[in-house]
Amino acid sequence: MTDAGVHRTILAVWRIEQPRLLAGLARMLRDVPLAEELVQEALVAALETWPRTGTPERPGAWLTATAKRRALDHLRRRRMLTRKHQALAATLEAEEQAMPDLDSGLDDDIGDERLRLIFTACHPILSREARAALTLRMICGLTTGEIARAFLQTEMAVGQRITRAKRTLSDSGLSYETPRAKDLAARMSSVLEVVYLIFNEGYSATRGGDWMRPQLCHEALRLGRILIAVAPREPEALGLVALMELNASRAAARQDAEGRPILLMDQDRSRWDLLQVRRGLMALARAEALGGSNGFYALQAAIVACHARAATPEATDWGRIAALYGQLAARQPSPVVELNRAVAVGFAEGPAAGLALVEAIRDEPALQRYHLLPSVRGDLLFKLGRLEEARAEFLRGAALAGNERERAFLEARAAASA
């Protein structure tokens, strides 16, 4: 295998293993930023070693063993200044001796470990935005660019926020723990936001050659299901799980055999997963029964439920969807929510009505590099027969799109408008 091929293999393995390695080391060291530094050192070691020696038979175990040994070296260098370090070093040495085949054991119970790490990073000592950005970068493996697009901000701003959050977390000396009772509730909203953003990146990838990243969707769903087991009477947790289940139910119908996107109204609804639809509707009903019908996630789940209940595209209750978006905008004002409401109004009242709403938010600073603004505007212009304007908007959306599939899709729509 060429060096380039080995590097691609390393990065592919790294994307899968990095969160697990970080969770395991953070549990042992009780220091999240230090754990991240040592895991990064293991990646550098792989990049230096594997091109010479070849890819190990068990690359994940190799990375784990390397990271653990770096942790042991770190503690030895500090000469075991405290009793805590002595105990941790003994634990690492025992584990090192017990893994002649480089089997790390870090895969055991990794779900709980990752969730504990997310709760740690979502400590109230950090701002809400810093908690989400730090967790998505360090624990969930998203790039700074992906996080920036999720927040509609620049990469520089998000990068600086992550750096400050790491420093704060490191200087605070926070222990690696799962909060209890009132502390759990205090951090729940930030944890839900992180899981929500993980799912969104998996459902519609901001970059790369694949429109979806199923592994992220599955991980977000798994974490969400754990959360409603931990907090079964938390309406927003139930609302989020409902939203993810209902959206994930359409996964098989969202792209064709070549991976090209298929719009919602063109999807083969017989391919929707009815079991996930039922799970989603049940979770939504539980959230509403607990008084959470007006929650941020429950309102979005109710919107998706309108699609799930419609046997055909023509049966979709667009009037109710538009009204739900209105409630969502009142609860948490956002130009993105207004853009989605414009789409619903376009279906319920006609493209001219939808376009009027888009024009009202067209100059919003947060939307200036958001590819879906020109995409939506182009679609409404196309329906109104203003084809040349629609073509220009589709091309502008394609230029802004970071995902290759979305870019190609918008370029095709531009060609169809010519």
Protein backbone atom coordinates (compact mmCIF):
# COMPACT_ATOMS: atom_id res chain seq x y z
CA MET A 1 0.00 0.00 0.00
CA THR A 2 1.28 3.49 -0.82
CA ASP A 3 1.94 6.10 1.88
CA ALA A 4 -1.16 7.98 0.72
CA GLY A 5 -3.21 4.81 1.07
CA VAL A 6 -1.85 4.20 4.57
CA HIS A 7 -2.69 7.78 5.56
CA ARG A 8 -6.25 7.34 4.30
CA THR A 9 -6.54 4.15 6.33
CA ILE A 10 -5.20 5.87 9.44
CA LEU A 11 -7.67 8.74 9.14
CA ALA A 12 -10.57 6.34 8.54
CA VAL A 13 -9.64 4.30 11.64
CA TRP A 14 -9.05 7.51 13.58
CA ARG A 15 -12.53 8.87 12.86
CA ILE A 16 -14.04 5.71 14.35
CA GLU A 17 -11.66 5.17 17.28
CA GLN A 18 -10.92 8.72 18.48
CA PRO A 19 -14.08 9.21 20.60
CA ARG A 20 -13.61 5.81 22.24
CA LEU A 21 -9.97 6.43 23.01
CA LEU A 22 -10.75 9.83 24.46
CA ALA A 23 -13.55 8.47 26.64
CA GLY A 24 -11.35 5.69 28.02
CA LEU A 25 -8.34 7.88 28.79
CA ALA A 26 -10.46 10.64 30.31
CA ARG A 27 -12.00 8.09 32.66
CA MET A 28 -8.53 6.95 33.75
CA LEU A 29 -6.77 10.31 33.95
CA ARG A 30 -9.70 12.40 35.23
CA ASP A 31 -8.47 15.13 32.87
CA VAL A 32 -10.28 15.65 29.56
CA PRO A 33 -7.85 18.09 27.84
CA LEU A 34 -4.84 15.95 28.83
CA ALA A 35 -6.60 12.86 27.48
CA GLU A 36 -7.20 14.63 24.16
CA GLU A 37 -3.52 15.64 23.94
CA LEU A 38 -2.35 12.05 24.50
CA VAL A 39 -4.84 10.66 21.98
CA GLN A 40 -3.52 13.15 19.42
CA GLU A 41 0.00 11.89 20.17
CA ALA A 42 -1.17 8.36 19.37
CA LEU A 43 -2.40 9.60 15.98
CA VAL A 44 0.98 11.22 15.27
CA ALA A 45 2.69 7.96 16.23
CA ALA A 46 0.49 6.04 13.76
CA LEU A 47 1.26 8.51 10.98
CA GLU A 48 4.97 8.08 11.63
CA THR A 49 5.00 4.30 12.15
CA TRP A 50 2.40 2.63 9.93
CA PRO A 51 3.88 3.76 6.58
CA ARG A 52 7.10 1.90 7.60
CA THR A 53 5.65 -1.15 9.37
CA GLY A 54 2.30 -1.53 7.61
CA THR A 55 -1.19 -1.23 9.06
CA PRO A 56 -1.58 -3.40 12.20
CA GLU A 57 -4.03 -6.25 12.14
CA ARG A 58 -6.00 -4.50 14.89
CA PRO A 59 -5.43 -0.78 14.32
CA GLY A 60 -7.85 0.36 17.01
CA ALA A 61 -6.10 -1.72 19.65
CA TRP A 62 -2.72 -0.37 18.48
CA LEU A 63 -3.90 3.22 18.93
CA THR A 64 -5.32 2.39 22.35
CA ALA A 65 -2.13 0.73 23.55
CA THR A 66 -0.04 3.64 22.28
CA ALA A 67 -2.26 6.24 23.96
CA LYS A 68 -2.18 4.34 27.26
CA ARG A 69 1.59 4.09 27.20
CA ARG A 70 1.85 7.82 26.51
CA ALA A 71 -0.38 8.38 29.54
CA LEU A 72 1.86 6.16 31.66
CA ASP A 73 4.96 8.02 30.46
CA HIS A 74 3.30 11.33 31.30
CA LEU A 75 2.58 10.23 34.86
CA ARG A 76 6.10 8.82 35.27
CA ARG A 77 7.62 12.11 34.09
CA ARG A 78 5.77 13.91 36.82
CA ARG A 79 7.34 11.45 39.31
CA MET A 80 4.02 10.49 40.82
CA LEU A 81 3.80 13.67 42.88
CA THR A 82 0.47 12.78 44.41
CA ARG A 83 -1.18 9.65 45.70
CA LYS A 84 -3.78 10.01 42.96
CA HIS A 85 -1.12 9.78 40.26
CA GLN A 86 0.42 6.76 41.94
CA ALA A 87 -2.91 4.94 41.88
CA LEU A 88 -3.57 5.86 38.26
CA ALA A 89 -0.11 4.76 37.15
CA ALA A 90 -0.53 1.40 38.88
CA THR A 91 -3.84 0.91 37.09
CA LEU A 92 -2.29 1.73 33.71
CA GLU A 93 0.69 -0.56 34.32
CA ALA A 94 -1.60 -3.45 35.25
CA GLU A 95 -3.69 -2.90 32.13
CA GLU A 96 -0.57 -2.68 29.96
CA GLN A 97 0.70 -6.03 31.28
CA ALA A 98 -2.68 -7.62 30.64
CA MET A 99 -2.79 -6.82 26.91
CA PRO A 100 -0.13 -8.83 25.08
CA ASP A 101 -2.37 -8.88 21.98
CA LEU A 102 -2.95 -5.11 22.21
CA ASP A 103 -6.59 -5.66 23.15
CA SER A 104 -7.54 -2.41 24.86
CA GLY A 105 -10.83 -3.32 26.47
CA LEU A 106 -11.97 0.28 25.88
CA ASP A 107 -14.89 -0.90 23.77
CA ASP A 108 -16.60 -2.31 26.85
CA ASP A 109 -19.58 -0.22 27.90
CA ILE A 110 -18.43 2.60 25.65
CA GLY A 111 -21.91 4.08 25.45
CA ASP A 112 -21.96 5.02 29.12
CA GLU A 113 -18.36 6.24 28.94
CA ARG A 114 -19.02 8.57 26.05
CA LEU A 115 -22.17 9.93 27.64
CA ARG A 116 -20.29 10.56 30.88
CA LEU A 117 -17.64 12.43 28.93
CA ILE A 118 -20.28 14.54 27.18
CA PHE A 119 -21.78 15.48 30.55
CA THR A 120 -18.32 16.44 31.80
CA ALA A 121 -17.66 18.70 28.81
CA CYS A 122 -21.11 20.27 29.24
CA HIS A 123 -20.18 21.67 32.65
CA PRO A 124 -21.94 24.94 33.62
CA ILE A 125 -18.53 26.60 34.05
CA LEU A 126 -18.51 26.91 30.24
CA SER A 127 -20.90 29.00 28.17
CA ARG A 128 -23.65 27.15 26.29
CA GLU A 129 -21.97 27.70 22.93
CA ALA A 130 -18.58 26.62 24.29
CA ARG A 131 -20.02 23.41 25.77
CA ALA A 132 -21.54 22.36 22.47
CA ALA A 133 -18.53 23.29 20.34
CA LEU A 134 -16.00 21.64 22.67
CA THR A 135 -18.00 18.42 22.92
CA LEU A 136 -18.60 18.17 19.19
CA ARG A 137 -14.90 18.71 18.47
CA MET A 138 -13.20 16.71 21.21
CA ILE A 139 -15.63 13.91 21.91
CA CYS A 140 -17.69 13.49 18.77
CA GLY A 141 -14.89 14.06 16.26
CA LEU A 142 -16.55 16.75 14.12
CA THR A 143 -14.18 19.18 12.43
CA THR A 144 -14.11 22.86 13.32
CA GLY A 145 -15.56 23.61 9.87
CA GLU A 146 -18.50 21.26 10.40
CA ILE A 147 -19.24 22.82 13.78
CA ALA A 148 -18.97 26.33 12.32
CA ARG A 149 -21.53 25.50 9.63
CA ALA A 150 -23.88 24.02 12.23
CA PHE A 151 -23.75 27.31 14.18
CA LEU A 152 -23.67 29.48 11.01
CA GLN A 153 -20.41 31.04 12.21
CA THR A 154 -16.84 31.35 10.93
CA GLU A 155 -14.26 28.63 11.53
CA MET A 156 -11.97 31.14 13.24
CA ALA A 157 -14.63 32.13 15.77
CA VAL A 158 -15.50 28.51 16.58
CA GLY A 159 -11.82 27.54 16.80
CA GLN A 160 -11.13 30.31 19.29
CA ARG A 161 -14.16 29.28 21.33
CA ILE A 162 -12.95 25.67 21.51
CA THR A 163 -9.45 26.75 22.55
CA ARG A 164 -10.80 28.95 25.35
CA ALA A 165 -13.13 26.18 26.53
CA LYS A 166 -10.28 23.66 26.72
CA ARG A 167 -8.20 26.08 28.75
CA THR A 168 -11.08 26.77 31.13
CA LEU A 169 -11.84 23.09 31.56
CA SER A 170 -8.17 22.26 32.18
CA ASP A 171 -7.57 25.12 34.64
CA SER A 172 -10.72 24.30 36.60
CA GLY A 173 -9.48 20.85 37.66
CA LEU A 174 -12.93 19.35 37.06
CA SER A 175 -13.26 15.67 37.87
CA TYR A 176 -14.47 13.14 35.32
CA GLU A 177 -17.93 12.31 36.61
CA THR A 178 -21.55 11.83 35.72
CA PRO A 179 -23.52 14.55 37.50
CA ARG A 180 -26.38 13.55 39.75
CA ALA A 181 -29.88 14.82 40.49
CA LYS A 182 -30.08 18.60 40.07
CA ASP A 183 -26.66 18.74 38.38
CA LEU A 184 -27.87 16.26 35.78
CA ALA A 185 -30.90 18.43 35.05
CA ALA A 186 -28.74 21.56 34.84
CA ARG A 187 -26.59 20.04 32.10
CA MET A 188 -29.32 18.17 30.25
CA SER A 189 -30.20 20.95 27.80
CA SER A 190 -26.58 21.26 26.65
CA VAL A 191 -26.24 17.50 26.27
CA LEU A 192 -29.45 17.38 24.23
CA GLU A 193 -28.12 20.14 21.99
CA VAL A 194 -24.91 18.19 21.36
CA VAL A 195 -26.82 15.01 20.49
CA TYR A 196 -29.11 17.04 18.22
CA LEU A 197 -26.16 18.54 16.33
CA ILE A 198 -24.48 15.14 15.99
CA PHE A 199 -27.65 13.78 14.40
CA ASN A 200 -28.01 16.76 12.08
CA GLU A 201 -24.46 16.32 10.77
CA GLY A 202 -25.17 12.65 10.16
CA TYR A 203 -28.52 13.30 8.52
CA SER A 204 -27.25 16.03 6.15
CA ALA A 205 -23.45 16.09 6.09
CA THR A 206 -22.04 19.60 5.70
CA ARG A 207 -18.98 18.39 3.80
CA GLY A 208 -17.54 15.44 1.92
CA GLY A 209 -18.76 13.16 -0.83
CA ASP A 210 -21.63 11.49 1.04
CA TRP A 211 -24.90 13.25 1.68
CA MET A 212 -25.49 11.25 4.87
CA ARG A 213 -23.19 9.91 7.59
CA PRO A 214 -25.23 7.01 9.03
CA GLN A 215 -22.72 6.27 11.78
CA LEU A 216 -23.35 9.69 13.35
CA CYS A 217 -27.14 9.24 13.07
CA HIS A 218 -26.93 5.86 14.79
CA GLU A 219 -24.66 7.22 17.53
CA ALA A 220 -26.99 10.17 18.21
CA LEU A 221 -29.99 7.84 18.39
CA ARG A 222 -28.15 5.50 20.76
CA LEU A 223 -27.20 8.38 23.05
CA GLY A 224 -30.74 9.75 22.91
CA ARG A 225 -32.21 6.39 23.93
CA ILE A 226 -29.79 6.22 26.87
CA LEU A 227 -30.83 9.72 27.93
CA ILE A 228 -34.54 8.90 28.07
CA ALA A 229 -33.65 5.84 30.14
CA VAL A 230 -31.68 8.09 32.52
CA ALA A 231 -34.39 10.80 32.55
CA PRO A 232 -37.68 9.13 31.50
CA ARG A 233 -39.78 12.13 32.53
CA GLU A 234 -37.73 14.78 30.69
CA PRO A 235 -40.05 16.02 27.88
CA GLU A 236 -37.30 17.58 25.78
CA ALA A 237 -35.26 14.35 25.81
CA LEU A 238 -38.34 12.50 24.60
CA GLY A 239 -38.99 15.20 22.01
CA LEU A 240 -35.45 14.90 20.68
CA VAL A 241 -35.65 11.10 20.44
CA ALA A 242 -38.99 11.46 18.64
CA LEU A 243 -37.46 13.92 16.17
CA MET A 244 -34.47 11.66 15.48
CA GLU A 245 -36.55 8.48 15.14
CA LEU A 246 -38.99 10.12 12.72
CA ASN A 247 -36.26 11.67 10.59
CA ALA A 248 -34.17 8.48 10.59
CA SER A 249 -37.21 6.49 9.43
CA ARG A 250 -36.81 8.15 6.00
CA ALA A 251 -33.10 7.37 5.61
CA ALA A 252 -33.50 4.56 3.04
CA ALA A 253 -35.61 6.79 0.78
CA ARG A 254 -33.50 9.96 0.97
CA GLN A 255 -30.96 9.03 -1.70
CA ASP A 256 -30.86 6.90 -4.82
CA ALA A 257 -28.57 3.95 -5.59
CA GLU A 258 -25.77 6.36 -6.57
CA GLY A 259 -26.10 8.37 -3.35
CA ARG A 260 -27.82 11.36 -4.95
CA PRO A 261 -30.34 13.24 -2.76
CA ILE A 262 -34.08 12.66 -3.20
CA LEU A 263 -36.32 15.48 -1.99
CA LEU A 264 -38.99 14.67 0.58
CA MET A 265 -41.91 15.11 -1.80
CA ASP A 266 -40.30 12.74 -4.33
CA GLN A 267 -39.47 9.93 -1.88
CA ASP A 268 -40.92 6.43 -2.10
CA ARG A 269 -42.82 6.35 1.19
CA SER A 270 -43.07 2.57 1.13
CA ARG A 271 -39.36 2.60 1.96
CA TRP A 272 -39.87 4.54 5.19
CA ASP A 273 -39.19 2.45 8.30
CA LEU A 274 -42.60 2.02 9.95
CA LEU A 275 -41.08 0.67 13.18
CA GLN A 276 -39.07 3.85 13.63
CA VAL A 277 -42.15 5.91 12.75
CA ARG A 278 -44.09 4.17 15.55
CA ARG A 279 -41.21 4.68 17.99
CA GLY A 280 -41.05 8.35 17.10
CA LEU A 281 -44.78 8.91 17.44
CA MET A 282 -44.81 7.12 20.81
CA ALA A 283 -41.93 9.23 22.13
CA LEU A 284 -43.69 12.39 20.91
CA ALA A 285 -46.93 11.36 22.63
CA ARG A 286 -45.01 10.80 25.89
CA ALA A 287 -43.34 14.21 25.61
CA GLU A 288 -46.71 15.90 25.01
CA ALA A 289 -48.32 13.98 27.90
CA LEU A 290 -45.61 15.36 30.19
CA GLY A 291 -46.43 18.92 29.15
CA GLY A 292 -43.63 19.29 26.62
CA SER A 293 -45.65 19.94 23.45
CA ASN A 294 -44.16 23.44 23.11
CA GLY A 295 -40.55 22.30 23.55
CA PHE A 296 -37.91 23.07 20.93
CA TYR A 297 -37.44 19.43 19.95
CA ALA A 298 -41.06 18.36 20.43
CA LEU A 299 -42.27 21.08 18.04
CA GLN A 300 -39.81 19.91 15.39
CA ALA A 301 -40.88 16.31 15.99
CA ALA A 302 -44.51 17.35 15.56
CA ILE A 303 -43.60 18.88 12.18
CA VAL A 304 -41.90 15.68 11.02
CA ALA A 305 -44.85 13.68 12.37
CA CYS A 306 -47.12 15.52 9.91
CA HIS A 307 -45.06 14.02 7.08
CA ALA A 308 -44.95 10.59 8.74
CA ARG A 309 -48.76 10.49 9.02
CA ALA A 310 -49.32 11.47 5.38
CA ALA A 311 -49.71 8.41 3.16
CA THR A 312 -48.96 10.51 0.08
CA PRO A 313 -47.22 13.85 -0.50
CA GLU A 314 -50.58 15.41 -1.45
CA ALA A 315 -52.05 14.42 1.94
CA THR A 316 -49.47 16.48 3.86
CA ASP A 317 -51.07 19.03 6.19
CA TRP A 318 -48.91 21.99 5.18
CA GLY A 319 -51.14 24.44 7.02
CA ARG A 320 -50.43 22.72 10.33
CA ILE A 321 -46.70 22.52 9.51
CA ALA A 322 -46.60 26.25 8.81
CA ALA A 323 -48.41 26.92 12.11
CA LEU A 324 -45.97 24.71 14.02
CA TYR A 325 -43.05 26.58 12.50
CA GLY A 326 -44.72 29.78 13.68
CA GLN A 327 -44.82 28.39 17.24
CA LEU A 328 -41.18 27.32 16.94
CA ALA A 329 -40.17 30.79 15.74
CA ALA A 330 -42.00 32.38 18.67
CA ARG A 331 -40.29 30.05 21.13
CA GLN A 332 -36.78 30.36 19.70
CA PRO A 333 -36.47 33.04 17.01
CA SER A 334 -34.10 32.03 14.23
CA PRO A 335 -33.68 32.96 10.56
CA VAL A 336 -33.30 29.25 9.77
CA VAL A 337 -36.68 28.51 11.34
CA GLU A 338 -38.18 31.39 9.34
CA LEU A 339 -36.67 29.95 6.17
CA ASN A 340 -38.28 26.58 6.89
CA ARG A 341 -41.58 28.31 7.63
CA ALA A 342 -41.35 30.00 4.23
CA VAL A 343 -41.08 26.56 2.59
CA ALA A 344 -44.20 25.35 4.44
CA VAL A 345 -46.12 28.52 3.59
CA GLY A 346 -45.06 28.08 -0.05
CA PHE A 347 -46.79 24.69 -0.10
CA ALA A 348 -49.80 25.79 1.96
CA GLU A 349 -50.54 29.17 0.35
CA GLY A 350 -48.53 29.14 -2.87
CA PRO A 351 -44.96 29.99 -3.92
CA ALA A 352 -45.60 33.75 -4.00
CA ALA A 353 -46.51 33.73 -0.30
CA GLY A 354 -43.45 31.65 0.54
CA LEU A 355 -41.18 33.92 -1.51
CA ALA A 356 -42.44 36.98 0.35
CA LEU A 357 -41.28 35.45 3.62
CA VAL A 358 -37.89 34.58 2.13
CA GLU A 359 -37.44 38.16 0.89
CA ALA A 360 -38.06 39.41 4.43
CA ILE A 361 -35.05 37.47 5.78
CA ARG A 362 -32.86 37.58 2.68
CA ASP A 363 -30.38 40.04 4.22
CA GLU A 364 -30.01 38.28 7.59
CA PRO A 365 -26.24 38.14 8.34
CA ALA A 366 -26.43 34.55 9.61
CA LEU A 367 -27.83 33.37 6.27
CA GLN A 368 -25.34 35.02 3.95
CA ARG A 369 -23.23 31.88 3.57
CA TYR A 370 -26.05 29.41 4.21
CA HIS A 371 -26.59 27.48 0.98
CA LEU A 372 -30.22 26.66 1.73
CA LEU A 373 -31.28 30.32 1.48
CA PRO A 374 -30.60 30.57 -2.29
CA SER A 375 -31.74 26.95 -2.68
CA VAL A 376 -35.17 27.68 -1.21
CA ARG A 377 -35.45 30.99 -3.03
CA GLY A 378 -34.51 29.26 -6.31
CA ASP A 379 -37.18 26.60 -5.81
CA LEU A 380 -39.90 29.18 -5.19
CA LEU A 381 -38.80 31.25 -8.20
CA PHE A 382 -38.81 28.09 -10.33
CA LYS A 383 -42.41 27.33 -9.31
CA LEU A 384 -43.36 30.90 -10.24
CA GLY A 385 -41.85 30.45 -13.71
CA ARG A 386 -39.02 32.94 -13.12
CA LEU A 387 -36.51 30.47 -14.50
CA GLU A 388 -33.49 32.68 -15.11
CA GLU A 389 -33.64 34.05 -11.56
CA ALA A 390 -34.11 30.51 -10.25
CA ARG A 391 -31.06 29.32 -12.17
CA ALA A 392 -28.90 32.07 -10.69
CA GLU A 393 -30.06 31.17 -7.17
CA PHE A 394 -29.40 27.46 -7.65
CA LEU A 395 -25.89 28.23 -8.87
CA ARG A 396 -25.29 30.51 -5.87
CA GLY A 397 -26.50 27.77 -3.54
CA ALA A 398 -24.20 25.26 -5.26
CA ALA A 399 -21.22 27.58 -4.77
CA LEU A 400 -21.97 27.82 -1.04
CA ALA A 401 -22.68 24.11 -0.48
CA GLY A 402 -19.88 22.26 1.27
CA ASN A 403 -21.28 18.82 0.50
CA GLU A 404 -20.44 17.45 -2.94
CA ARG A 405 -23.80 15.69 -3.36
CA GLU A 406 -25.76 18.82 -2.56
CA ARG A 407 -23.57 20.86 -4.86
CA ALA A 408 -24.18 18.47 -7.76
CA PHE A 409 -27.91 18.39 -7.01
CA LEU A 410 -28.18 22.19 -7.11
CA GLU A 411 -26.11 22.39 -10.27
CA ALA A 412 -28.52 19.91 -11.88
CA ARG A 413 -31.47 22.05 -10.81
CA ALA A 414 -29.75 25.09 -12.31
CA ALA A 415 -29.32 23.23 -15.59
CA ALA A 416 -32.99 22.23 -15.56
CA SER A 417 -33.92 25.91 -15.12
CA ALA A 418 -31.94 27.07 -18.17
